[in-house]
Amino acid sequence: MSDTLPPFWRPDIHADRRPALLARGRIKAALRRWFEAQGFVEVEAAILQLSPGNETHLHGFSTTLIDDAGAGHPYFLHTSPEFAAKKLLAAGEPRIVDFARVFRNRERTALHHPEFTMLEWYRAGEDYEALMRDCAALLAEAARAAGTTVLRWRDSEADPFAEPERLTLHDAFARHAGIDLMATIARDGATDHAALAAQAQAAGIRTVADDSWSDIFSRILSERIEPRLGRGRATILCEYPISEAALARAKPGDPRVAERFELYACGVELANAFGELTDPGEQRRRFEADMDEKQRIYGERYPIDEEFLAALGAMPQASGIALGFDRLVMLATGARRIEDVLWTPVAEPGRGGR
């Protein structure tokens, strides 16, 4: 929030914000009804966790748990309910959903807030195609609850009732950047940095000497592809390179790509979904590689939740997805900034503390 913006608690400012905030409540109620009708159980993952997550560019808030003997133990506010939710899948829950308050450091823009609501749900025994159908249904539910027929952000619009477009990363890179992404990925998933850098430079995309393949991939995605997604109708961007799989399993028949998709509307990323990886050894390898990269870039690393890896080995095949609930409300109400749909935005440093 800019220093020039007045505080949210001023009565005139609150009056302007209130219609979107009331719509937020209607959308949440509608989505809760939808999940209940689908046989989901709503759960509440603990916010305090041993690890905030082990992705390279994910930054958690740290805190200290003091036990009854007065000893301090490092804990984190979770960046996602994912670890706890998958433990519940291992325990035997078949369909779960959580409207989770989550916390991410180093993130504050028109689309990011340090504390926000993540709508996360899991389907045991079902593939990630089911989540694609869920996304289409939830966009329509949110629009109906908000009393709109169009999703909006800045100069972009999308029809929430239209069937989402499905687009692979390979096709998206070719269509919007003129880059043959799969030509830079070997059959075993190994990536060719030089090949992607050469294509990026030919397309007029900046690269620097210490860029990794992943750095270049992310820059092409953010600069050339994401702004063009979800215009007119939502886009499901699928089949991510296996090097960008995070916690997703490899796609059967093509080990170069993962069962991962992201949902976009109006150029805004709304959700990230996985056909869930259930191999604890492979997940540990990915976590350790990501923490090595985090150490290289940021000079820090997070612990690995050993109990999570143990639960992963007992977890059934499942699909799971995390959707930015506040962003969905933004698009359904036409809000310009995420703070416009938060009842009490977090004060920026230097404001509200005097």
Protein backbone atom coordinates (compact mmCIF):
# COMPACT_ATOMS: atom_id res chain seq x y z
CA MET A 1 0.00 0.00 0.00
CA SER A 2 1.46 3.34 -1.00
CA ASP A 3 2.26 5.93 1.68
CA THR A 4 -0.14 8.28 -0.11
CA LEU A 5 -3.12 5.99 0.52
CA PRO A 6 -5.26 6.94 3.54
CA PRO A 7 -5.80 4.37 6.30
CA PHE A 8 -8.54 1.78 5.74
CA TRP A 9 -10.30 2.64 9.03
CA ARG A 10 -11.31 6.13 7.98
CA PRO A 11 -15.12 6.03 7.67
CA ASP A 12 -15.15 7.47 4.14
CA ILE A 13 -12.51 5.00 2.95
CA HIS A 14 -14.31 2.09 4.60
CA ALA A 15 -17.58 3.11 2.95
CA ASP A 16 -15.89 2.93 -0.45
CA ARG A 17 -14.35 -0.47 0.32
CA ARG A 18 -17.39 -2.03 1.98
CA PRO A 19 -19.24 -3.29 -1.16
CA ALA A 20 -16.24 -5.39 -2.19
CA LEU A 21 -15.79 -6.65 1.37
CA LEU A 22 -19.43 -7.75 1.55
CA ALA A 23 -19.02 -9.47 -1.82
CA ARG A 24 -16.02 -11.28 -0.33
CA GLY A 25 -18.29 -12.75 2.32
CA ARG A 26 -20.88 -13.84 -0.23
CA ILE A 27 -18.20 -15.49 -2.38
CA LYS A 28 -16.75 -17.36 0.59
CA ALA A 29 -20.20 -18.58 1.62
CA ALA A 30 -20.98 -19.73 -1.93
CA LEU A 31 -17.71 -21.62 -2.25
CA ARG A 32 -18.21 -23.26 1.13
CA ARG A 33 -21.65 -24.49 -0.01
CA TRP A 34 -20.13 -25.81 -3.23
CA PHE A 35 -17.43 -27.77 -1.43
CA GLU A 36 -19.92 -29.18 1.06
CA ALA A 37 -22.16 -30.35 -1.79
CA GLN A 38 -19.11 -32.08 -3.33
CA GLY A 39 -18.46 -34.06 -0.16
CA PHE A 40 -15.47 -32.10 1.13
CA VAL A 41 -14.69 -31.73 4.82
CA GLU A 42 -13.44 -28.29 5.83
CA VAL A 43 -10.29 -28.51 7.95
CA GLU A 44 -8.12 -25.96 9.75
CA ALA A 45 -4.38 -26.53 9.38
CA ALA A 46 -2.17 -25.28 12.19
CA ILE A 47 -0.44 -22.02 11.28
CA LEU A 48 2.68 -22.78 13.35
CA GLN A 49 4.86 -25.28 11.52
CA LEU A 50 8.39 -26.69 11.76
CA SER A 51 9.07 -25.62 8.17
CA PRO A 52 7.41 -22.89 6.12
CA GLY A 53 8.00 -24.82 2.89
CA ASN A 54 11.08 -25.65 0.86
CA GLU A 55 10.73 -23.82 -2.44
CA THR A 56 13.63 -21.61 -3.48
CA HIS A 57 11.82 -18.27 -3.71
CA LEU A 58 9.33 -18.80 -0.90
CA HIS A 59 10.04 -16.71 2.21
CA GLY A 60 8.51 -17.45 5.60
CA PHE A 61 8.03 -15.54 8.84
CA SER A 62 10.02 -17.04 11.69
CA THR A 63 9.01 -17.12 15.34
CA THR A 64 9.97 -18.92 18.55
CA LEU A 65 7.87 -21.43 20.46
CA ILE A 66 8.76 -21.38 24.16
CA ASP A 67 7.98 -24.65 25.95
CA ASP A 68 6.88 -25.03 29.56
CA ALA A 69 10.52 -25.35 30.67
CA GLY A 70 11.32 -21.98 29.13
CA ALA A 71 13.35 -23.36 26.23
CA GLY A 72 12.90 -21.76 22.82
CA HIS A 73 12.31 -23.69 19.60
CA PRO A 74 12.34 -22.21 16.07
CA TYR A 75 8.98 -22.34 14.28
CA PHE A 76 7.47 -20.63 11.25
CA LEU A 77 4.11 -19.25 10.19
CA HIS A 78 3.06 -21.48 7.31
CA THR A 79 3.22 -20.25 3.72
CA SER A 80 0.64 -22.86 2.77
CA PRO A 81 -1.39 -25.52 4.59
CA GLU A 82 0.05 -28.13 2.19
CA PHE A 83 2.25 -30.09 4.58
CA ALA A 84 -0.48 -30.39 7.21
CA ALA A 85 -3.15 -31.20 4.62
CA LYS A 86 -1.13 -34.06 3.15
CA LYS A 87 -0.69 -35.51 6.64
CA LEU A 88 -4.49 -35.56 6.85
CA LEU A 89 -4.64 -37.39 3.51
CA ALA A 90 -2.21 -39.95 4.95
CA ALA A 91 -4.52 -40.23 7.97
CA GLY A 92 -7.38 -41.24 5.69
CA GLU A 93 -9.32 -38.08 4.82
CA PRO A 94 -10.52 -38.39 1.19
CA ARG A 95 -11.61 -34.83 0.33
CA ILE A 96 -10.52 -31.81 2.34
CA VAL A 97 -10.64 -28.04 1.92
CA ASP A 98 -9.11 -25.22 3.97
CA PHE A 99 -9.68 -21.46 3.82
CA ALA A 100 -6.24 -20.92 5.30
CA ARG A 101 -4.66 -17.69 6.50
CA VAL A 102 -1.09 -17.90 5.25
CA PHE A 103 2.00 -15.70 5.53
CA ARG A 104 4.71 -14.89 2.99
CA ASN A 105 7.60 -12.52 3.52
CA ARG A 106 9.16 -10.26 0.87
CA GLU A 107 5.82 -10.05 -0.96
CA ARG A 108 3.83 -6.82 -1.22
CA THR A 109 2.45 -5.57 -4.54
CA ALA A 110 -0.96 -4.90 -6.05
CA LEU A 111 -1.37 -8.70 -6.18
CA HIS A 112 0.64 -9.73 -3.11
CA HIS A 113 0.15 -9.22 0.62
CA PRO A 114 2.21 -10.59 3.53
CA GLU A 115 -0.91 -12.17 5.06
CA PHE A 116 -3.62 -13.54 2.81
CA THR A 117 -6.21 -16.30 2.40
CA MET A 118 -5.35 -19.41 0.45
CA LEU A 119 -8.16 -21.73 -0.55
CA GLU A 120 -6.58 -25.16 -0.74
CA TRP A 121 -8.29 -28.47 -1.47
CA TYR A 122 -7.35 -32.09 -2.12
CA ARG A 123 -8.98 -35.08 -3.77
CA ALA A 124 -7.61 -38.50 -2.77
CA GLY A 125 -7.74 -41.10 -5.52
CA GLU A 126 -8.52 -38.52 -8.23
CA ASP A 127 -6.27 -37.02 -10.88
CA TYR A 128 -5.58 -33.38 -11.49
CA GLU A 129 -8.08 -33.24 -14.36
CA ALA A 130 -10.73 -33.16 -11.63
CA LEU A 131 -9.15 -29.98 -10.28
CA MET A 132 -9.43 -28.36 -13.70
CA ARG A 133 -13.17 -28.98 -13.59
CA ASP A 134 -13.29 -27.62 -10.05
CA CYS A 135 -11.62 -24.39 -11.18
CA ALA A 136 -14.18 -23.80 -13.91
CA ALA A 137 -17.03 -24.37 -11.44
CA LEU A 138 -15.56 -22.09 -8.78
CA LEU A 139 -15.03 -19.17 -11.17
CA ALA A 140 -18.72 -19.33 -12.05
CA GLU A 141 -19.76 -19.66 -8.39
CA ALA A 142 -17.69 -16.64 -7.41
CA ALA A 143 -19.11 -14.52 -10.22
CA ARG A 144 -22.69 -15.41 -9.34
CA ALA A 145 -22.10 -14.59 -5.67
CA ALA A 146 -20.56 -11.24 -6.60
CA GLY A 147 -23.41 -10.45 -8.98
CA THR A 148 -21.17 -10.09 -12.04
CA THR A 149 -20.85 -11.65 -15.47
CA VAL A 150 -17.23 -10.68 -16.01
CA LEU A 151 -13.91 -10.92 -14.19
CA ARG A 152 -11.79 -7.77 -14.43
CA TRP A 153 -8.30 -6.58 -13.61
CA ARG A 154 -6.84 -3.41 -15.07
CA ASP A 155 -7.44 -3.51 -18.84
CA SER A 156 -8.28 -7.21 -19.04
CA GLU A 157 -11.57 -9.11 -18.81
CA ALA A 158 -12.56 -12.77 -18.73
CA ASP A 159 -15.87 -14.61 -18.90
CA PRO A 160 -16.20 -16.66 -15.70
CA PHE A 161 -18.83 -18.92 -17.29
CA ALA A 162 -16.78 -19.88 -20.36
CA GLU A 163 -14.88 -23.17 -20.45
CA PRO A 164 -11.22 -22.38 -19.62
CA GLU A 165 -8.63 -22.67 -22.38
CA ARG A 166 -6.05 -25.41 -21.86
CA LEU A 167 -2.54 -24.52 -22.94
CA THR A 168 0.70 -26.44 -22.38
CA LEU A 169 3.88 -24.60 -21.45
CA HIS A 170 5.38 -25.80 -24.72
CA ASP A 171 2.57 -24.23 -26.74
CA ALA A 172 2.52 -21.06 -24.62
CA PHE A 173 6.25 -20.44 -25.12
CA ALA A 174 5.89 -21.00 -28.85
CA ARG A 175 2.77 -18.83 -29.22
CA HIS A 176 3.74 -15.88 -27.05
CA ALA A 177 7.55 -15.87 -27.12
CA GLY A 178 8.54 -17.78 -30.27
CA ILE A 179 10.59 -20.20 -28.16
CA ASP A 180 10.82 -23.99 -28.48
CA LEU A 181 10.87 -24.83 -24.77
CA MET A 182 10.99 -28.62 -25.09
CA ALA A 183 14.08 -28.38 -27.32
CA THR A 184 15.93 -27.25 -24.18
CA ILE A 185 14.82 -30.23 -22.05
CA ALA A 186 16.36 -33.71 -22.40
CA ARG A 187 14.38 -36.93 -22.13
CA ASP A 188 15.56 -37.39 -18.54
CA GLY A 189 14.43 -33.86 -17.62
CA ALA A 190 17.90 -32.28 -17.70
CA THR A 191 17.80 -28.68 -18.92
CA ASP A 192 20.06 -26.96 -21.46
CA HIS A 193 20.85 -23.49 -20.14
CA ALA A 194 22.77 -22.35 -23.21
CA ALA A 195 19.99 -23.39 -25.59
CA LEU A 196 17.30 -21.52 -23.65
CA ALA A 197 19.51 -18.46 -23.19
CA ALA A 198 20.20 -18.29 -26.94
CA GLN A 199 16.49 -18.51 -27.78
CA ALA A 200 15.63 -15.90 -25.14
CA GLN A 201 18.23 -13.46 -26.45
CA ALA A 202 17.00 -13.97 -30.02
CA ALA A 203 13.49 -13.10 -28.78
CA GLY A 204 14.78 -9.89 -27.17
CA ILE A 205 14.60 -11.14 -23.59
CA ARG A 206 17.37 -10.03 -21.26
CA THR A 207 19.69 -12.63 -19.74
CA VAL A 208 22.68 -12.22 -17.44
CA ALA A 209 25.76 -14.33 -16.93
CA ASP A 210 24.71 -15.99 -13.69
CA ASP A 211 21.16 -16.83 -14.80
CA SER A 212 20.16 -20.44 -14.33
CA TRP A 213 17.85 -22.22 -16.78
CA SER A 214 15.09 -21.72 -14.22
CA ASP A 215 15.80 -17.98 -13.99
CA ILE A 216 15.44 -17.58 -17.75
CA PHE A 217 12.34 -19.77 -17.83
CA SER A 218 10.71 -17.65 -15.11
CA ARG A 219 11.60 -14.38 -16.84
CA ILE A 220 10.11 -15.48 -20.15
CA LEU A 221 7.01 -16.68 -18.34
CA SER A 222 6.49 -13.47 -16.38
CA GLU A 223 7.37 -11.02 -19.17
CA ARG A 224 5.94 -12.60 -22.31
CA ILE A 225 3.39 -15.22 -21.34
CA GLU A 226 1.53 -14.54 -18.09
CA PRO A 227 0.22 -11.08 -19.12
CA ARG A 228 -1.45 -12.70 -22.16
CA LEU A 229 -3.19 -15.51 -20.30
CA GLY A 230 -6.80 -15.60 -19.21
CA ARG A 231 -8.00 -12.86 -21.55
CA GLY A 232 -11.56 -13.41 -22.72
CA ARG A 233 -11.73 -16.62 -20.73
CA ALA A 234 -9.62 -18.33 -18.08
CA THR A 235 -6.49 -20.25 -19.07
CA ILE A 236 -5.24 -23.50 -17.57
CA LEU A 237 -1.49 -23.52 -18.17
CA CYS A 238 -0.32 -27.13 -17.84
CA GLU A 239 2.55 -29.59 -18.25
CA TYR A 240 5.30 -27.68 -16.49
CA PRO A 241 8.89 -28.84 -17.07
CA ILE A 242 9.84 -31.47 -14.50
CA SER A 243 12.55 -29.12 -13.18
CA GLU A 244 9.69 -26.79 -12.15
CA ALA A 245 7.55 -29.57 -10.67
CA ALA A 246 7.83 -28.51 -6.99
CA LEU A 247 5.65 -31.13 -5.27
CA ALA A 248 4.07 -32.59 -8.43
CA ARG A 249 4.71 -36.01 -9.93
CA ALA A 250 6.01 -36.62 -13.44
CA LYS A 251 3.43 -37.08 -16.17
CA PRO A 252 3.10 -40.73 -17.22
CA GLY A 253 4.54 -41.21 -20.67
CA ASP A 254 6.61 -38.02 -20.68
CA PRO A 255 9.14 -37.65 -17.86
CA ARG A 256 10.14 -34.21 -19.18
CA VAL A 257 6.98 -32.63 -17.76
CA ALA A 258 5.04 -32.70 -14.50
CA GLU A 259 1.37 -33.02 -13.62
CA ARG A 260 1.20 -29.37 -12.67
CA PHE A 261 -1.06 -26.60 -13.88
CA GLU A 262 -1.75 -22.98 -13.00
CA LEU A 263 -5.05 -21.16 -13.47
CA TYR A 264 -4.99 -17.63 -14.93
CA ALA A 265 -7.70 -15.03 -15.47
CA CYS A 266 -7.13 -11.48 -16.72
CA GLY A 267 -3.37 -12.09 -16.75
CA VAL A 268 -3.46 -12.92 -13.02
CA GLU A 269 -2.29 -16.25 -11.60
CA LEU A 270 -5.11 -17.57 -9.44
CA ALA A 271 -4.17 -21.16 -8.59
CA ASN A 272 -1.38 -23.73 -8.65
CA ALA A 273 -2.28 -27.44 -8.86
CA PHE A 274 -0.44 -30.75 -8.68
CA GLY A 275 -0.94 -34.39 -9.34
CA GLU A 276 0.76 -35.00 -6.02
CA LEU A 277 4.19 -36.59 -5.70
CA THR A 278 4.10 -39.43 -3.15
CA ASP A 279 7.75 -40.55 -3.37
CA PRO A 280 9.47 -39.28 -0.19
CA GLY A 281 12.96 -39.94 -1.59
CA GLU A 282 12.35 -37.85 -4.70
CA GLN A 283 10.67 -35.14 -2.65
CA ARG A 284 13.66 -34.97 -0.30
CA ARG A 285 16.00 -34.66 -3.29
CA ARG A 286 13.95 -31.74 -4.64
CA PHE A 287 13.76 -30.03 -1.26
CA GLU A 288 17.51 -30.30 -0.73
CA ALA A 289 18.24 -28.98 -4.23
CA ASP A 290 15.87 -26.05 -3.68
CA MET A 291 17.43 -25.25 -0.31
CA ASP A 292 20.90 -25.33 -1.83
CA GLU A 293 19.69 -22.81 -4.42
CA LYS A 294 18.05 -20.70 -1.71
CA GLN A 295 21.31 -20.68 0.21
CA ARG A 296 23.15 -19.56 -2.92
CA ILE A 297 20.73 -16.75 -3.74
CA TYR A 298 19.49 -15.55 -0.33
CA GLY A 299 22.03 -16.91 2.14
CA GLU A 300 19.44 -18.89 4.09
CA ARG A 301 17.73 -22.26 4.12
CA TYR A 302 14.71 -23.77 5.89
CA PRO A 303 14.50 -27.09 7.73
CA ILE A 304 12.84 -30.09 6.13
CA ASP A 305 9.77 -31.41 7.91
CA GLU A 306 10.76 -35.06 8.39
CA GLU A 307 7.27 -35.98 9.57
CA PHE A 308 5.87 -34.63 6.31
CA LEU A 309 8.19 -36.88 4.29
CA ALA A 310 7.17 -39.86 6.43
CA ALA A 311 3.49 -39.06 5.85
CA LEU A 312 4.11 -38.67 2.13
CA GLY A 313 5.12 -42.32 1.94
CA ALA A 314 1.75 -43.29 3.47
CA MET A 315 -0.33 -40.86 1.43
CA PRO A 316 -2.64 -42.21 -1.29
CA GLN A 317 -2.47 -40.98 -4.85
CA ALA A 318 -4.15 -37.57 -4.84
CA SER A 319 -4.46 -34.21 -6.52
CA GLY A 320 -4.28 -30.87 -4.76
CA ILE A 321 -4.57 -27.17 -5.53
CA ALA A 322 -4.02 -23.81 -3.85
CA LEU A 323 -6.08 -20.83 -5.02
CA GLY A 324 -5.50 -17.22 -3.99
CA PHE A 325 -8.92 -16.41 -2.57
CA ASP A 326 -8.26 -12.67 -2.28
CA ARG A 327 -7.22 -12.49 -5.93
CA LEU A 328 -10.41 -14.26 -6.96
CA VAL A 329 -12.42 -11.70 -5.00
CA MET A 330 -10.41 -8.90 -6.66
CA LEU A 331 -11.32 -10.14 -10.12
CA ALA A 332 -14.96 -10.74 -9.23
CA THR A 333 -15.36 -7.22 -7.80
CA GLY A 334 -13.09 -5.37 -10.23
CA ALA A 335 -10.78 -4.23 -7.42
CA ARG A 336 -7.43 -2.71 -8.39
CA ARG A 337 -5.35 -3.84 -5.40
CA ILE A 338 -5.46 -6.80 -3.05
CA GLU A 339 -5.80 -4.41 -0.06
CA ASP A 340 -9.18 -3.33 -1.47
CA VAL A 341 -10.66 -6.75 -0.65
CA LEU A 342 -8.98 -7.31 2.75
CA TRP A 343 -10.97 -6.23 5.79
CA THR A 344 -7.88 -5.06 7.69
CA PRO A 345 -4.73 -4.88 5.53
CA VAL A 346 -1.42 -5.29 7.33
CA ALA A 347 0.14 -1.89 8.07
CA GLU A 348 3.33 -1.18 6.16
CA PRO A 349 6.52 -0.59 8.14
CA GLY A 350 6.52 2.96 9.50
CA ARG A 351 2.71 3.19 9.50
CA GLY A 352 0.33 2.38 12.31
CA GLY A 353 3.05 1.66 14.85
CA ARG A 354 3.15 5.02 16.55
